[in-house]
C-alpha cells in the first residue's frame, strides 16, 4: 500500500473526527513508519484489519477535506501571505532607495506585524 503523505496534513485538520483506532493506526503507519504487519502484530489483529482501518480513515479524511476544504484554504492563505511578504519587501526596498517616505515605512512595518501575528 503506497503512502499518501497528504494524509498526515489532513490528519492535522480532521484527525479528531476519526475513531480512536483509526487515529492510532494512521499515526503508527504514517508518523511512526510502521508496516501494516508490524501494527497488526502490536495490536493483536490481522494485517487486513489494519489495512481496512487505515483505508477507511484515509477515505474519511479526503472526504472531509472535499466537503470542508480547510487544508486547501489554509494553503491558499499561506500562498497569499507569501505574495504579500514579497510585495512588502519590494515596496520597502523602493522606499528605502528612492523616496524615503516615513508613511510608507510605517505602513510596511504594520503589514509585516499583521503577517507575523497571523503566522503565530
N, C-alpha and C. Protein backbone atom coordinates (compact mmCIF):
# COMPACT_ATOMS: atom_id res chain seq x y z
N UNK A 1 0.86 -1.18 0.00
CA UNK A 1 0.00 0.00 0.00
C UNK A 1 0.90 1.23 0.00
N UNK A 2 0.79 2.07 -1.01
CA UNK A 2 1.61 3.28 -1.11
C UNK A 2 1.11 4.34 -0.15
N UNK A 3 2.05 5.02 0.47
CA UNK A 3 1.68 6.03 1.46
C UNK A 3 1.43 7.37 0.78
N UNK A 4 0.31 7.97 1.10
CA UNK A 4 -0.05 9.30 0.60
C UNK A 4 0.22 10.29 1.73
N UNK A 5 1.27 11.07 1.57
CA UNK A 5 1.69 11.96 2.66
C UNK A 5 0.71 13.11 2.91
N UNK A 6 -0.24 13.33 1.99
CA UNK A 6 -1.30 14.32 2.25
C UNK A 6 -2.13 13.91 3.46
N UNK A 7 -2.17 12.62 3.74
CA UNK A 7 -2.94 12.11 4.86
C UNK A 7 -2.45 12.72 6.18
N UNK A 8 -1.15 12.89 6.31
CA UNK A 8 -0.59 13.46 7.54
C UNK A 8 -1.12 14.88 7.74
N UNK A 9 -1.12 15.67 6.68
CA UNK A 9 -1.64 17.04 6.76
C UNK A 9 -3.14 17.03 7.09
N UNK A 10 -3.88 16.19 6.39
CA UNK A 10 -5.33 16.12 6.64
C UNK A 10 -5.63 15.64 8.04
N UNK A 11 -4.79 14.79 8.57
CA UNK A 11 -4.98 14.30 9.93
C UNK A 11 -4.82 15.45 10.94
N UNK A 12 -3.94 16.40 10.63
CA UNK A 12 -3.80 17.57 11.49
C UNK A 12 -5.10 18.37 11.56
N UNK A 13 -5.81 18.44 10.45
CA UNK A 13 -7.06 19.19 10.40
C UNK A 13 -8.25 18.40 10.93
N UNK A 14 -8.34 17.14 10.54
CA UNK A 14 -9.57 16.38 10.79
C UNK A 14 -9.37 15.13 11.64
N UNK A 15 -8.18 14.92 12.17
CA UNK A 15 -7.88 13.70 12.91
C UNK A 15 -8.81 13.43 14.08
N UNK A 16 -9.26 14.48 14.73
CA UNK A 16 -10.14 14.30 15.89
C UNK A 16 -11.51 13.74 15.50
N UNK A 17 -11.82 13.77 14.21
CA UNK A 17 -13.11 13.24 13.75
C UNK A 17 -13.04 11.74 13.46
N UNK A 18 -11.84 11.19 13.49
CA UNK A 18 -11.68 9.75 13.28
C UNK A 18 -11.91 9.01 14.60
N UNK A 19 -12.12 7.71 14.49
CA UNK A 19 -12.22 6.91 15.71
C UNK A 19 -10.83 6.83 16.34
N UNK A 20 -10.79 6.45 17.59
CA UNK A 20 -9.52 6.34 18.31
C UNK A 20 -8.58 5.35 17.60
N UNK A 21 -9.13 4.19 17.19
CA UNK A 21 -8.31 3.20 16.48
C UNK A 21 -7.80 3.72 15.14
N UNK A 22 -8.66 4.39 14.40
CA UNK A 22 -8.23 4.94 13.11
C UNK A 22 -7.09 5.93 13.30
N UNK A 23 -7.25 6.83 14.27
CA UNK A 23 -6.19 7.81 14.55
C UNK A 23 -4.89 7.10 14.94
N UNK A 24 -5.03 6.11 15.79
CA UNK A 24 -3.86 5.37 16.27
C UNK A 24 -3.15 4.67 15.11
N UNK A 25 -3.92 4.00 14.25
CA UNK A 25 -3.33 3.28 13.13
C UNK A 25 -2.69 4.23 12.13
N UNK A 26 -3.35 5.35 11.87
CA UNK A 26 -2.77 6.37 10.97
C UNK A 26 -1.46 6.88 11.55
N UNK A 27 -1.45 7.14 12.85
CA UNK A 27 -0.23 7.62 13.49
C UNK A 27 0.89 6.58 13.38
N UNK A 28 0.59 5.34 13.67
CA UNK A 28 1.59 4.27 13.56
C UNK A 28 2.11 4.17 12.12
N UNK A 29 1.18 4.18 11.18
CA UNK A 29 1.54 3.93 9.78
C UNK A 29 2.30 5.11 9.17
N UNK A 30 1.82 6.32 9.41
CA UNK A 30 2.44 7.49 8.77
C UNK A 30 3.52 8.14 9.63
N UNK A 31 3.25 8.38 10.89
CA UNK A 31 4.21 9.09 11.72
C UNK A 31 5.33 8.20 12.24
N UNK A 32 4.95 6.98 12.66
CA UNK A 32 5.96 6.07 13.21
C UNK A 32 6.58 5.17 12.15
N UNK A 33 6.03 5.23 10.93
CA UNK A 33 6.53 4.48 9.77
C UNK A 33 6.55 2.96 10.02
N UNK A 34 5.53 2.47 10.72
CA UNK A 34 5.39 1.03 10.92
C UNK A 34 4.66 0.42 9.73
N UNK A 35 4.99 -0.81 9.41
CA UNK A 35 4.28 -1.51 8.34
C UNK A 35 2.94 -1.98 8.87
N UNK A 36 2.06 -2.35 7.94
CA UNK A 36 0.75 -2.88 8.34
C UNK A 36 0.93 -4.14 9.19
N UNK A 37 1.89 -4.97 8.82
CA UNK A 37 2.15 -6.21 9.57
C UNK A 37 2.63 -5.90 10.99
N UNK A 38 3.50 -4.91 11.12
CA UNK A 38 4.01 -4.54 12.45
C UNK A 38 2.88 -4.01 13.34
N UNK A 39 2.03 -3.18 12.75
CA UNK A 39 0.90 -2.65 13.52
C UNK A 39 -0.02 -3.79 13.95
N UNK A 40 -0.31 -4.68 13.01
CA UNK A 40 -1.19 -5.82 13.30
C UNK A 40 -0.62 -6.67 14.43
N UNK A 41 0.66 -6.94 14.37
CA UNK A 41 1.30 -7.75 15.41
C UNK A 41 1.23 -7.04 16.76
N UNK A 42 1.52 -5.74 16.78
CA UNK A 42 1.49 -4.97 18.03
C UNK A 42 0.09 -4.87 18.63
N UNK A 43 -0.91 -4.81 17.76
CA UNK A 43 -2.29 -4.62 18.22
C UNK A 43 -3.06 -5.93 18.36
N UNK A 44 -2.47 -7.03 17.91
CA UNK A 44 -3.13 -8.33 18.05
C UNK A 44 -4.30 -8.51 17.12
N UNK A 45 -4.24 -7.90 15.93
CA UNK A 45 -5.30 -8.08 14.93
C UNK A 45 -4.63 -8.48 13.61
N UNK A 46 -5.45 -8.71 12.60
CA UNK A 46 -4.89 -9.13 11.32
C UNK A 46 -4.35 -7.93 10.55
N UNK A 47 -3.43 -8.23 9.64
CA UNK A 47 -2.89 -7.19 8.77
C UNK A 47 -4.02 -6.57 7.94
N UNK A 48 -4.95 -7.42 7.48
CA UNK A 48 -6.07 -6.94 6.69
C UNK A 48 -6.96 -6.00 7.51
N UNK A 49 -7.13 -6.30 8.79
CA UNK A 49 -7.91 -5.43 9.66
C UNK A 49 -7.27 -4.05 9.79
N UNK A 50 -5.96 -4.03 9.91
CA UNK A 50 -5.23 -2.74 9.99
C UNK A 50 -5.37 -2.00 8.67
N UNK A 51 -5.18 -2.73 7.57
CA UNK A 51 -5.26 -2.10 6.25
C UNK A 51 -6.64 -1.48 6.04
N UNK A 52 -7.68 -2.23 6.39
CA UNK A 52 -9.05 -1.72 6.23
C UNK A 52 -9.27 -0.46 7.06
N UNK A 53 -8.78 -0.47 8.30
CA UNK A 53 -8.95 0.70 9.18
C UNK A 53 -8.20 1.91 8.62
N UNK A 54 -6.99 1.69 8.13
CA UNK A 54 -6.20 2.79 7.56
C UNK A 54 -6.88 3.33 6.31
N UNK A 55 -7.34 2.43 5.44
CA UNK A 55 -8.02 2.86 4.21
C UNK A 55 -9.30 3.62 4.51
N UNK A 56 -10.08 3.15 5.48
CA UNK A 56 -11.32 3.86 5.86
C UNK A 56 -10.98 5.24 6.40
N UNK A 57 -9.94 5.32 7.21
CA UNK A 57 -9.53 6.61 7.77
C UNK A 57 -9.09 7.56 6.66
N UNK A 58 -8.27 7.06 5.74
CA UNK A 58 -7.83 7.90 4.62
C UNK A 58 -9.02 8.41 3.82
N UNK A 59 -9.95 7.52 3.54
CA UNK A 59 -11.14 7.90 2.78
C UNK A 59 -11.93 8.97 3.51
N UNK A 60 -12.10 8.80 4.81
CA UNK A 60 -12.83 9.79 5.60
C UNK A 60 -12.10 11.14 5.60
N UNK A 61 -10.78 11.12 5.74
CA UNK A 61 -10.01 12.37 5.75
C UNK A 61 -10.15 13.11 4.42
N UNK A 62 -10.03 12.38 3.31
CA UNK A 62 -10.16 13.02 1.99
C UNK A 62 -11.59 13.50 1.76
N UNK A 63 -12.57 12.76 2.25
CA UNK A 63 -13.96 13.18 2.12
C UNK A 63 -14.22 14.46 2.92
N UNK A 64 -13.68 14.52 4.14
CA UNK A 64 -13.86 15.72 4.96
C UNK A 64 -13.20 16.93 4.28
N UNK A 65 -12.02 16.73 3.71
CA UNK A 65 -11.36 17.84 3.02
C UNK A 65 -12.16 18.28 1.80
N UNK A 66 -12.72 17.31 1.07
CA UNK A 66 -13.53 17.64 -0.10
C UNK A 66 -14.75 18.47 0.32
N UNK A 67 -15.35 18.13 1.43
CA UNK A 67 -16.55 18.83 1.89
C UNK A 67 -16.23 20.16 2.57
N UNK A 68 -15.17 20.19 3.37
CA UNK A 68 -14.89 21.38 4.19
C UNK A 68 -13.78 22.26 3.62
N UNK A 69 -12.77 21.66 3.05
CA UNK A 69 -11.71 22.42 2.37
C UNK A 69 -10.78 23.22 3.25
N UNK A 70 -10.66 22.87 4.53
CA UNK A 70 -9.80 23.65 5.42
C UNK A 70 -8.33 23.62 5.03
N UNK A 71 -7.83 22.48 4.66
CA UNK A 71 -6.40 22.37 4.30
C UNK A 71 -6.11 23.17 3.04
N UNK A 72 -6.97 23.07 2.05
CA UNK A 72 -6.78 23.83 0.81
C UNK A 72 -6.87 25.33 1.06
N UNK A 73 -7.83 25.72 1.86
CA UNK A 73 -7.96 27.15 2.19
C UNK A 73 -6.72 27.64 2.93
N UNK A 74 -6.22 26.86 3.84
CA UNK A 74 -5.01 27.24 4.58
C UNK A 74 -3.82 27.37 3.63
N UNK A 75 -3.71 26.44 2.67
CA UNK A 75 -2.63 26.52 1.69
C UNK A 75 -2.72 27.81 0.88
N UNK A 76 -3.93 28.16 0.45
CA UNK A 76 -4.13 29.38 -0.34
C UNK A 76 -3.82 30.63 0.49
N UNK A 77 -4.21 30.63 1.74
CA UNK A 77 -3.91 31.77 2.62
C UNK A 77 -2.40 31.91 2.80
N UNK A 78 -1.71 30.79 3.00
CA UNK A 78 -0.25 30.84 3.15
C UNK A 78 0.43 31.35 1.88
N UNK A 79 -0.05 30.92 0.72
CA UNK A 79 0.50 31.42 -0.55
C UNK A 79 0.26 32.92 -0.68
N UNK A 80 -0.94 33.38 -0.31
CA UNK A 80 -1.25 34.80 -0.38
C UNK A 80 -0.36 35.60 0.57
N UNK A 81 -0.14 35.06 1.77
CA UNK A 81 0.74 35.75 2.71
C UNK A 81 2.16 35.85 2.17
N UNK A 82 2.64 34.80 1.52
CA UNK A 82 3.98 34.85 0.91
C UNK A 82 4.05 35.93 -0.16
N UNK A 83 3.00 36.04 -0.97
CA UNK A 83 2.96 37.07 -2.01
C UNK A 83 2.94 38.46 -1.39
N UNK A 84 2.20 38.62 -0.31
CA UNK A 84 2.15 39.90 0.38
C UNK A 84 3.52 40.25 0.97
N UNK A 85 4.19 39.25 1.54
CA UNK A 85 5.52 39.48 2.10
C UNK A 85 6.48 39.93 1.00
N UNK A 86 6.46 39.24 -0.14
CA UNK A 86 7.33 39.62 -1.25
C UNK A 86 7.04 41.03 -1.73
N UNK A 87 5.76 41.38 -1.88
CA UNK A 87 5.39 42.73 -2.32
C UNK A 87 5.80 43.77 -1.30
N UNK A 88 5.67 43.44 -0.03
CA UNK A 88 6.07 44.36 1.03
C UNK A 88 7.57 44.63 0.97
N UNK A 89 8.37 43.61 0.67
CA UNK A 89 9.81 43.79 0.54
C UNK A 89 10.15 44.69 -0.64
N UNK A 90 9.44 44.50 -1.77
CA UNK A 90 9.66 45.36 -2.94
C UNK A 90 9.34 46.81 -2.59
N UNK A 91 8.22 47.03 -1.95
CA UNK A 91 7.81 48.39 -1.55
C UNK A 91 8.83 48.98 -0.59
N UNK A 92 9.24 48.18 0.38
CA UNK A 92 10.21 48.66 1.37
C UNK A 92 11.54 49.02 0.71
N UNK A 93 12.03 48.17 -0.18
CA UNK A 93 13.29 48.45 -0.88
C UNK A 93 13.19 49.71 -1.73
N UNK A 94 12.08 49.85 -2.43
CA UNK A 94 11.87 51.05 -3.24
C UNK A 94 11.86 52.29 -2.34
N UNK A 95 11.14 52.19 -1.25
CA UNK A 95 11.04 53.32 -0.33
C UNK A 95 12.41 53.68 0.25
N UNK A 96 13.18 52.69 0.64
CA UNK A 96 14.48 52.96 1.25
C UNK A 96 15.48 53.53 0.24
N UNK A 97 15.36 53.12 -1.03
CA UNK A 97 16.33 53.54 -2.04
C UNK A 97 15.90 54.77 -2.85
N UNK A 98 14.62 55.05 -2.90
CA UNK A 98 14.14 56.11 -3.78
C UNK A 98 13.43 57.25 -3.04
N UNK A 99 12.39 56.93 -2.29
CA UNK A 99 11.53 58.01 -1.81
C UNK A 99 11.69 58.37 -0.33
N UNK A 100 12.10 57.43 0.49
CA UNK A 100 12.28 57.65 1.93
C UNK A 100 11.06 58.28 2.61
N UNK A 101 9.91 57.69 2.34
CA UNK A 101 8.67 58.17 2.95
C UNK A 101 8.46 57.48 4.29
N UNK A 102 8.26 58.28 5.33
CA UNK A 102 8.01 57.72 6.66
C UNK A 102 6.66 56.99 6.68
N UNK A 103 5.67 57.52 5.97
CA UNK A 103 4.35 56.91 5.93
C UNK A 103 4.40 55.52 5.29
N UNK A 104 5.16 55.41 4.20
CA UNK A 104 5.31 54.12 3.53
C UNK A 104 6.03 53.15 4.46
N UNK A 105 7.08 53.61 5.10
CA UNK A 105 7.82 52.77 6.03
C UNK A 105 6.92 52.28 7.17
N UNK A 106 6.12 53.18 7.72
CA UNK A 106 5.21 52.79 8.80
C UNK A 106 4.18 51.76 8.32
N UNK A 107 3.68 51.95 7.09
CA UNK A 107 2.71 51.01 6.53
C UNK A 107 3.34 49.63 6.33
N UNK A 108 4.59 49.60 5.86
CA UNK A 108 5.30 48.34 5.66
C UNK A 108 5.48 47.63 7.00
N UNK A 109 5.88 48.36 8.01
CA UNK A 109 6.06 47.79 9.34
C UNK A 109 4.74 47.23 9.86
N UNK A 110 3.65 47.95 9.64
CA UNK A 110 2.34 47.48 10.10
C UNK A 110 1.92 46.21 9.36
N UNK A 111 2.14 46.16 8.05
CA UNK A 111 1.80 44.96 7.27
C UNK A 111 2.60 43.77 7.78
N UNK A 112 3.90 43.95 7.99
CA UNK A 112 4.74 42.86 8.49
C UNK A 112 4.27 42.40 9.86
N UNK A 113 3.85 43.34 10.70
CA UNK A 113 3.36 43.00 12.04
C UNK A 113 2.09 42.15 11.96
N UNK A 114 1.18 42.52 11.07
CA UNK A 114 -0.05 41.75 10.89
C UNK A 114 0.26 40.35 10.39
N UNK A 115 1.17 40.24 9.43
CA UNK A 115 1.55 38.94 8.89
C UNK A 115 2.17 38.08 9.99
N UNK A 116 3.05 38.67 10.78
CA UNK A 116 3.67 37.92 11.88
C UNK A 116 2.62 37.40 12.87
N UNK A 117 1.60 38.22 13.16
CA UNK A 117 0.56 37.79 14.09
C UNK A 117 -0.28 36.65 13.49
N UNK A 118 -0.45 36.65 12.18
CA UNK A 118 -1.20 35.56 11.53
C UNK A 118 -0.40 34.27 11.49
N UNK A 119 0.91 34.36 11.47
CA UNK A 119 1.77 33.18 11.42
C UNK A 119 2.03 32.56 12.77
N UNK A 120 1.57 33.16 13.84
CA UNK A 120 1.80 32.61 15.19
C UNK A 120 0.93 31.42 15.45
